[in-house]
Each structure stands twice: as C-alpha cells, then as structure tokens.
Amino acid sequence: MVTLLPIEVEGHTVMGVEVKLPKTTLLAIYTTRGYIMCGALDVGLLNQKLSDRQIIAGRAVGVRTLEDLLEAPLESVTVEAEKWGIQPGQRGRDAILKML
C-alpha cells in the first residue's frame, strides 16, 4: 500500500510517502527541491552514476515512521545536498527546511 501524507514542518507543508512492502516500509519526505529517505536510499549511486542530475537528498537509517525520519540524524547526504548546507548528522527536519 502507498500512502501520501501532508506534513507540517515549522509552518511549511511538505509531503510524506510510505510504501508498505513485505517485511519493510519505504519512507520519504520531499519538497520541490529534494528529499530525505529511509536506509533504502543509495546515496553512492546518486553521487556517482546519477551525479549529472544534481539530486538533493539525505538518508537516515533505522527509521520506522515519517516522524522518525524527521527526527533522526542523516547518515549520509548527496554532494548536491552538501552544497545546500545539509550535512550528515543533521536531523531530517533541519535538512527539509534547507530544501524549501
């Protein structure tokens, strides 16, 4: 099942996506510029094979809900995200605010 949910982050509305799969749930929160995602995100692939797309994204591991994704520290981020001031260790919420 796929669920889209509006999420309020400090007065801004962003979108959350939950994809329930057997034995796992994919989680993502996105803005018009970029997104944060659960551990399924392959940041290395985005940085290497898809670098021409300049994707602004971050990855948090061990999250089970969209709220967890907002509060968890990012484990890794793309090169393009770093250009926007998004760093590993930042909370997902803070990264999303920089993507607005």
N, C-alpha and C. Protein backbone atom coordinates (compact mmCIF):
# COMPACT_ATOMS: atom_id res chain seq x y z
N MET A 1 0.84 -1.17 0.00
CA MET A 1 0.00 0.00 0.00
C MET A 1 0.89 1.24 0.00
N VAL A 2 0.48 2.25 -0.74
CA VAL A 2 1.20 3.52 -0.81
C VAL A 2 0.33 4.60 -0.18
N THR A 3 0.93 5.37 0.73
CA THR A 3 0.21 6.45 1.40
C THR A 3 0.97 7.75 1.21
N LEU A 4 0.28 8.80 0.78
CA LEU A 4 0.82 10.16 0.69
C LEU A 4 0.19 10.98 1.80
N LEU A 5 1.04 11.68 2.57
CA LEU A 5 0.54 12.47 3.69
C LEU A 5 1.17 13.86 3.69
N PRO A 6 0.36 14.91 3.81
CA PRO A 6 0.95 16.23 4.01
C PRO A 6 1.52 16.30 5.43
N ILE A 7 2.70 16.90 5.56
CA ILE A 7 3.37 17.02 6.86
C ILE A 7 3.73 18.48 7.06
N GLU A 8 3.40 19.00 8.23
CA GLU A 8 3.75 20.38 8.57
C GLU A 8 5.13 20.40 9.23
N VAL A 9 6.02 21.22 8.70
CA VAL A 9 7.35 21.41 9.28
C VAL A 9 7.55 22.91 9.45
N GLU A 10 7.43 23.37 10.68
CA GLU A 10 7.59 24.78 11.00
C GLU A 10 6.82 25.71 10.06
N GLY A 11 5.54 25.40 9.89
CA GLY A 11 4.66 26.24 9.08
C GLY A 11 4.69 25.97 7.59
N HIS A 12 5.49 25.04 7.15
CA HIS A 12 5.57 24.68 5.73
C HIS A 12 4.98 23.29 5.54
N THR A 13 4.27 23.10 4.46
CA THR A 13 3.72 21.79 4.16
C THR A 13 4.61 21.08 3.16
N VAL A 14 5.06 19.89 3.53
CA VAL A 14 5.84 19.02 2.66
C VAL A 14 5.06 17.71 2.54
N MET A 15 5.53 16.82 1.71
CA MET A 15 4.80 15.56 1.51
C MET A 15 5.59 14.38 2.04
N GLY A 16 4.89 13.49 2.70
CA GLY A 16 5.47 12.24 3.18
C GLY A 16 4.91 11.08 2.37
N VAL A 17 5.74 10.09 2.12
CA VAL A 17 5.34 8.91 1.36
C VAL A 17 5.73 7.67 2.16
N GLU A 18 4.76 6.78 2.34
CA GLU A 18 5.02 5.48 2.96
C GLU A 18 4.65 4.41 1.94
N VAL A 19 5.57 3.51 1.68
CA VAL A 19 5.30 2.38 0.78
C VAL A 19 5.48 1.12 1.60
N LYS A 20 4.37 0.45 1.90
CA LYS A 20 4.42 -0.76 2.70
C LYS A 20 4.68 -1.95 1.77
N LEU A 21 5.80 -2.60 2.01
CA LEU A 21 6.22 -3.77 1.24
C LEU A 21 6.36 -4.95 2.19
N PRO A 22 6.45 -6.17 1.69
CA PRO A 22 6.66 -7.30 2.59
C PRO A 22 7.94 -7.10 3.42
N LYS A 23 7.80 -7.16 4.71
CA LYS A 23 8.89 -7.09 5.68
C LYS A 23 9.62 -5.76 5.74
N THR A 24 9.12 -4.72 5.07
CA THR A 24 9.75 -3.40 5.18
C THR A 24 8.78 -2.32 4.76
N THR A 25 9.07 -1.10 5.17
CA THR A 25 8.31 0.07 4.74
C THR A 25 9.31 1.11 4.26
N LEU A 26 9.13 1.58 3.03
CA LEU A 26 9.96 2.65 2.49
C LEU A 26 9.35 3.97 2.93
N LEU A 27 10.19 4.89 3.39
CA LEU A 27 9.74 6.19 3.87
C LEU A 27 10.49 7.30 3.16
N ALA A 28 9.78 8.34 2.76
CA ALA A 28 10.42 9.51 2.16
C ALA A 28 9.60 10.74 2.50
N ILE A 29 10.30 11.86 2.64
CA ILE A 29 9.66 13.17 2.81
C ILE A 29 10.31 14.07 1.79
N TYR A 30 9.48 14.77 1.00
CA TYR A 30 10.06 15.56 -0.08
C TYR A 30 9.49 16.97 -0.17
N THR A 31 10.32 17.83 -0.76
CA THR A 31 9.95 19.19 -1.11
C THR A 31 10.08 19.31 -2.62
N THR A 32 9.88 20.48 -3.16
CA THR A 32 10.05 20.66 -4.60
C THR A 32 11.52 20.59 -5.01
N ARG A 33 12.45 20.69 -4.05
CA ARG A 33 13.89 20.69 -4.37
C ARG A 33 14.60 19.39 -4.08
N GLY A 34 14.15 18.65 -3.06
CA GLY A 34 14.87 17.45 -2.68
C GLY A 34 14.08 16.61 -1.71
N TYR A 35 14.76 15.61 -1.14
CA TYR A 35 14.07 14.69 -0.26
C TYR A 35 15.02 14.03 0.73
N ILE A 36 14.41 13.49 1.80
CA ILE A 36 15.11 12.61 2.72
C ILE A 36 14.39 11.28 2.67
N MET A 37 15.14 10.22 2.94
CA MET A 37 14.56 8.89 2.78
C MET A 37 15.17 7.94 3.81
N CYS A 38 14.52 6.82 3.97
CA CYS A 38 15.00 5.78 4.87
C CYS A 38 16.27 5.14 4.30
N GLY A 39 16.76 4.12 4.98
CA GLY A 39 18.01 3.46 4.61
C GLY A 39 18.04 2.82 3.24
N ALA A 40 16.90 2.70 2.57
CA ALA A 40 16.88 2.11 1.23
C ALA A 40 17.51 3.03 0.17
N LEU A 41 17.69 4.29 0.50
CA LEU A 41 18.28 5.24 -0.45
C LEU A 41 19.76 4.94 -0.66
N ASP A 42 20.18 4.85 -1.91
CA ASP A 42 21.58 4.60 -2.26
C ASP A 42 22.25 5.93 -2.62
N VAL A 43 22.80 6.60 -1.62
CA VAL A 43 23.44 7.90 -1.82
C VAL A 43 24.64 7.76 -2.76
N GLY A 44 25.38 6.68 -2.65
CA GLY A 44 26.52 6.45 -3.53
C GLY A 44 26.12 6.43 -4.99
N LEU A 45 25.03 5.77 -5.30
CA LEU A 45 24.52 5.73 -6.67
C LEU A 45 24.16 7.13 -7.15
N LEU A 46 23.48 7.90 -6.30
CA LEU A 46 23.10 9.26 -6.68
C LEU A 46 24.33 10.13 -6.94
N ASN A 47 25.37 9.95 -6.11
CA ASN A 47 26.58 10.76 -6.26
C ASN A 47 27.44 10.33 -7.44
N GLN A 48 27.43 9.05 -7.77
CA GLN A 48 28.33 8.56 -8.80
C GLN A 48 27.63 8.42 -10.16
N LYS A 49 26.69 7.55 -10.27
CA LYS A 49 26.07 7.24 -11.56
C LYS A 49 25.06 8.30 -12.00
N LEU A 50 24.46 9.01 -11.04
CA LEU A 50 23.43 9.99 -11.38
C LEU A 50 23.86 11.42 -11.01
N SER A 51 25.14 11.65 -10.92
CA SER A 51 25.63 12.96 -10.48
C SER A 51 25.17 14.10 -11.39
N ASP A 52 24.96 13.81 -12.66
CA ASP A 52 24.52 14.86 -13.59
C ASP A 52 23.13 15.39 -13.24
N ARG A 53 22.37 14.65 -12.46
CA ARG A 53 21.02 15.09 -12.06
C ARG A 53 21.04 16.06 -10.88
N GLN A 54 22.16 16.16 -10.19
CA GLN A 54 22.33 17.07 -9.06
C GLN A 54 21.20 16.92 -8.03
N ILE A 55 20.99 15.70 -7.59
CA ILE A 55 19.90 15.38 -6.67
C ILE A 55 20.26 15.81 -5.24
N ILE A 56 19.35 16.53 -4.62
CA ILE A 56 19.50 16.96 -3.23
C ILE A 56 18.76 15.93 -2.37
N ALA A 57 19.51 15.12 -1.63
CA ALA A 57 18.87 14.04 -0.86
C ALA A 57 19.72 13.67 0.34
N GLY A 58 19.04 13.09 1.33
CA GLY A 58 19.71 12.59 2.52
C GLY A 58 19.10 11.27 2.95
N ARG A 59 19.90 10.48 3.66
CA ARG A 59 19.50 9.13 4.07
C ARG A 59 19.60 9.00 5.58
N ALA A 60 18.53 8.51 6.20
CA ALA A 60 18.53 8.20 7.64
C ALA A 60 18.27 6.70 7.79
N VAL A 61 18.99 6.07 8.68
CA VAL A 61 18.83 4.63 8.88
C VAL A 61 18.13 4.34 10.20
N GLY A 62 17.47 3.18 10.25
CA GLY A 62 16.81 2.76 11.48
C GLY A 62 15.50 3.47 11.78
N VAL A 63 14.90 4.09 10.78
CA VAL A 63 13.64 4.80 11.00
C VAL A 63 12.46 3.90 10.63
N ARG A 64 11.37 4.05 11.36
CA ARG A 64 10.19 3.21 11.11
C ARG A 64 8.94 4.02 10.78
N THR A 65 9.00 5.34 11.02
CA THR A 65 7.85 6.20 10.74
C THR A 65 8.34 7.50 10.10
N LEU A 66 7.42 8.25 9.53
CA LEU A 66 7.78 9.54 8.97
C LEU A 66 8.27 10.50 10.05
N GLU A 67 7.69 10.43 11.23
CA GLU A 67 8.15 11.26 12.34
C GLU A 67 9.58 10.88 12.73
N ASP A 68 9.88 9.58 12.75
CA ASP A 68 11.26 9.14 13.00
C ASP A 68 12.21 9.75 11.96
N LEU A 69 11.78 9.75 10.70
CA LEU A 69 12.61 10.28 9.62
C LEU A 69 12.90 11.76 9.82
N LEU A 70 11.94 12.51 10.31
CA LEU A 70 12.16 13.93 10.59
C LEU A 70 13.13 14.15 11.75
N GLU A 71 13.09 13.29 12.74
CA GLU A 71 13.89 13.48 13.94
C GLU A 71 15.26 12.81 13.90
N ALA A 72 15.43 11.84 13.05
CA ALA A 72 16.69 11.09 13.01
C ALA A 72 17.82 11.90 12.37
N PRO A 73 19.05 11.66 12.81
CA PRO A 73 20.18 12.29 12.13
C PRO A 73 20.40 11.62 10.77
N LEU A 74 20.78 12.42 9.79
CA LEU A 74 21.07 11.85 8.47
C LEU A 74 22.41 11.13 8.53
N GLU A 75 22.41 9.93 8.02
CA GLU A 75 23.62 9.10 8.00
C GLU A 75 24.52 9.50 6.84
N SER A 76 23.91 9.88 5.71
CA SER A 76 24.68 10.32 4.54
C SER A 76 23.82 11.26 3.70
N VAL A 77 24.50 12.09 2.92
CA VAL A 77 23.81 13.05 2.05
C VAL A 77 24.54 13.10 0.71
N THR A 78 23.85 13.57 -0.30
CA THR A 78 24.48 13.70 -1.61
C THR A 78 25.40 14.92 -1.65
N VAL A 79 26.28 14.92 -2.63
CA VAL A 79 27.18 16.05 -2.83
C VAL A 79 26.37 17.32 -3.05
N GLU A 80 25.30 17.23 -3.81
CA GLU A 80 24.47 18.40 -4.07
C GLU A 80 23.81 18.90 -2.79
N ALA A 81 23.40 18.00 -1.91
CA ALA A 81 22.81 18.40 -0.62
C ALA A 81 23.82 19.18 0.21
N GLU A 82 25.07 18.75 0.18
CA GLU A 82 26.11 19.46 0.92
C GLU A 82 26.26 20.89 0.42
N LYS A 83 26.06 21.11 -0.87
CA LYS A 83 26.13 22.46 -1.43
C LYS A 83 25.02 23.35 -0.86
N TRP A 84 23.93 22.74 -0.40
CA TRP A 84 22.81 23.47 0.19
C TRP A 84 22.95 23.59 1.70
N GLY A 85 24.09 23.16 2.25
CA GLY A 85 24.33 23.25 3.68
C GLY A 85 23.79 22.09 4.48
N ILE A 86 23.44 21.00 3.82
CA ILE A 86 22.91 19.82 4.50
C ILE A 86 24.09 18.87 4.75
N GLN A 87 24.23 18.43 6.00
CA GLN A 87 25.38 17.63 6.39
C GLN A 87 24.94 16.34 7.09
N PRO A 88 25.75 15.28 6.99
CA PRO A 88 25.47 14.10 7.80
C PRO A 88 25.44 14.50 9.28
N GLY A 89 24.55 13.88 10.02
CA GLY A 89 24.39 14.21 11.44
C GLY A 89 23.27 15.20 11.70
N GLN A 90 22.88 15.98 10.69
CA GLN A 90 21.74 16.90 10.85
C GLN A 90 20.45 16.11 10.94
N ARG A 91 19.51 16.63 11.72
CA ARG A 91 18.19 15.99 11.77
C ARG A 91 17.51 16.13 10.41
N GLY A 92 16.67 15.17 10.09
CA GLY A 92 15.91 15.23 8.85
C GLY A 92 15.09 16.50 8.74
N ARG A 93 14.50 16.93 9.83
CA ARG A 93 13.69 18.15 9.87
C ARG A 93 14.51 19.35 9.41
N ASP A 94 15.74 19.47 9.89
CA ASP A 94 16.58 20.59 9.55
C ASP A 94 16.99 20.54 8.06
N ALA A 95 17.21 19.36 7.56
CA ALA A 95 17.54 19.19 6.14
C ALA A 95 16.35 19.61 5.27
N ILE A 96 15.16 19.18 5.65
CA ILE A 96 13.95 19.53 4.89
C ILE A 96 13.79 21.05 4.85
N LEU A 97 14.01 21.72 5.96
CA LEU A 97 13.88 23.18 5.99
C LEU A 97 14.87 23.84 5.03
N LYS A 98 16.05 23.28 4.88
CA LYS A 98 17.02 23.84 3.94
C LYS A 98 16.65 23.56 2.49
N MET A 99 15.76 22.60 2.27
CA MET A 99 15.33 22.26 0.91
C MET A 99 14.13 23.09 0.45
N LEU A 100 13.60 23.93 1.33
CA LEU A 100 12.43 24.73 0.96
C LEU A 100 12.82 25.95 0.14
